[in-house]
Each structure stands twice: as C-alpha cells, then as structure tokens.
Protein backbone atom coordinates (compact mmCIF):
# COMPACT_ATOMS: atom_id res chain seq x y z
CA MET A 1 -11.55 12.16 12.10
CA LYS A 2 -10.35 11.91 8.52
CA ASP A 3 -9.11 14.92 6.59
CA LYS A 4 -11.62 15.43 3.79
CA SER A 5 -9.14 17.50 1.78
CA LYS A 6 -6.79 14.54 1.38
CA LYS A 7 -7.30 11.82 -1.19
CA TYR A 8 -5.07 8.89 -1.98
CA LYS A 9 -4.20 7.08 -5.18
CA VAL A 10 -2.27 3.93 -5.92
CA GLN A 11 0.70 3.93 -8.24
CA ARG A 12 2.57 0.99 -9.73
CA ASP A 13 6.25 0.78 -10.60
CA TYR A 14 6.16 0.23 -14.36
CA ILE A 15 9.27 -0.29 -16.47
CA TYR A 16 9.26 3.46 -17.24
CA GLY A 17 8.69 4.52 -13.62
CA TRP A 18 5.83 5.16 -11.20
CA ASP A 19 2.38 5.76 -12.70
CA ASP A 20 -1.25 5.37 -11.69
CA ALA A 21 -2.35 1.77 -11.17
CA PHE A 22 -6.14 1.85 -10.82
CA PHE A 23 -8.72 3.79 -12.79
CA SER A 24 -12.36 4.65 -12.19
CA ASP A 25 -13.30 4.66 -15.87
CA ASP A 26 -13.17 2.06 -18.64
CA ASN A 27 -10.73 4.09 -20.75
CA GLY A 28 -7.97 4.29 -18.14
CA GLU A 29 -8.06 8.08 -18.09
CA VAL A 30 -9.46 8.85 -14.62
CA SER A 31 -7.34 7.70 -11.69
CA GLU A 32 -9.24 6.03 -8.88
CA LEU A 33 -9.03 8.08 -5.69
CA PHE A 34 -9.55 6.79 -2.16
CA ASP A 35 -10.70 8.64 0.95
CA THR A 36 -8.24 6.86 3.26
CA ARG A 37 -4.87 5.16 3.07
CA GLU A 38 -6.59 2.00 4.38
CA GLU A 39 -9.01 1.95 1.43
CA ALA A 40 -6.10 2.31 -1.00
CA GLU A 41 -4.19 -0.50 0.75
CA ALA A 42 -7.27 -2.73 0.63
CA GLU A 43 -7.51 -2.19 -3.13
CA ILE A 44 -3.86 -3.19 -3.56
CA GLN A 45 -4.39 -6.34 -1.47
CA GLU A 46 -7.52 -7.26 -3.44
CA HIS A 47 -5.65 -6.77 -6.73
CA ILE A 48 -2.81 -9.02 -5.59
CA ALA A 49 -5.27 -11.65 -4.32
CA ASP A 50 -7.11 -11.61 -7.67
CA ILE A 51 -3.84 -12.20 -9.52
CA GLU A 52 -2.85 -15.00 -7.13
CA TYR A 53 -6.23 -16.65 -7.69
CA ALA A 54 -5.96 -16.36 -11.48
CA ILE A 55 -2.47 -17.88 -11.37
CA SER A 56 -3.66 -20.74 -9.15
CA LYS A 57 -6.44 -21.55 -11.63
CA GLY A 58 -4.13 -21.35 -14.63
CA TYR A 59 -5.80 -18.24 -16.08
CA MET A 60 -2.55 -16.28 -15.82
CA GLY A 61 1.09 -17.30 -15.85
CA LYS A 62 3.30 -17.12 -12.77
CA ASP A 63 5.16 -14.21 -14.38
CA SER A 64 1.98 -12.13 -13.95
CA TYR A 65 2.43 -11.99 -10.17
CA GLU A 66 2.89 -8.48 -8.76
CA PRO A 67 4.38 -8.21 -5.26
CA ARG A 68 3.24 -5.50 -2.83
CA GLU A 69 6.49 -3.55 -3.29
CA HIS A 70 5.49 -2.80 -6.89
CA PHE A 71 2.81 -0.46 -5.51
CA ARG A 72 2.83 2.75 -3.51
CA ILE A 73 0.16 5.02 -2.10
CA LYS A 74 0.39 8.74 -2.86
CA ILE A 75 -1.43 11.56 -1.09
CA ILE A 76 -3.31 13.89 -3.41
CA ASN A 77 -4.23 17.32 -2.01
C-alpha cells in the first residue's frame, strides 16, 4: 500500500546545484510531482531515452546527453 501523504519530484544537478527537473505547466513554475518513486524513475528513464533518440537522429548534439547520475528523486511530504 502506498503512502498517499508522500509525493516525489525529480531534481537535476545544474551548474548552480540541484533544482527541479520536470514541470507540469508550460511556464516551468509548477514542479511535476509523482505518486511513487517508480513513476519518478520512469520519467527520468523516458527523458534520457528521448535525448538518446534525438542525438541518434542528429536533432541534438552528443553534448546534450544527460546521464542518470545527473538526476535524483526527492520525497516531498
């Protein structure tokens, strides 16, 4: 049974430090929250796969790649 009081968000290690990575609005003001750690991890994996695909098709440069260790999952109470 999952704890409904817990939410999770994904942060990325930017040059200035850890900050929210995914947003649920178009303005980048509302952090996307996930009900489970697994949902947050799936979003990270999908993001990385999208970047890998874009690089393979030449839409993005190889320097755009973001490894998994650039992301962390934080519990929000």
